[in-house]
């Protein structure tokens, strides 16, 4: 990790909500990617399973997960890439705070 200052980010991830195992796998995958990228998790919330307005990978409902974390700005592109290739993540939105 470089010497740049860590910045705060928010992530909202919609996980495949077919079963509790899918949700647990998605959470574990995100947390392992965070630890691989040396991310400091500040807050984590499970917003529950909700019906999707638009289909995502032909799924009608998803489990919404919220993460607030600190990370090196240079790792954000890698985190986004990890989320895109993760089969458990239907959709995600990552935003810099402040």
Foldseek 3Di string as FASTA:
>chain_A
DDPDFWFKKKKKFWFQPPDPVLVVVVVVLLVVVCVVQVKAWDDKDWPAKDADPDAFVNGGITTIIMTMIIHDPVCVVVSVVSLVPDPGTRDMDMGTDD
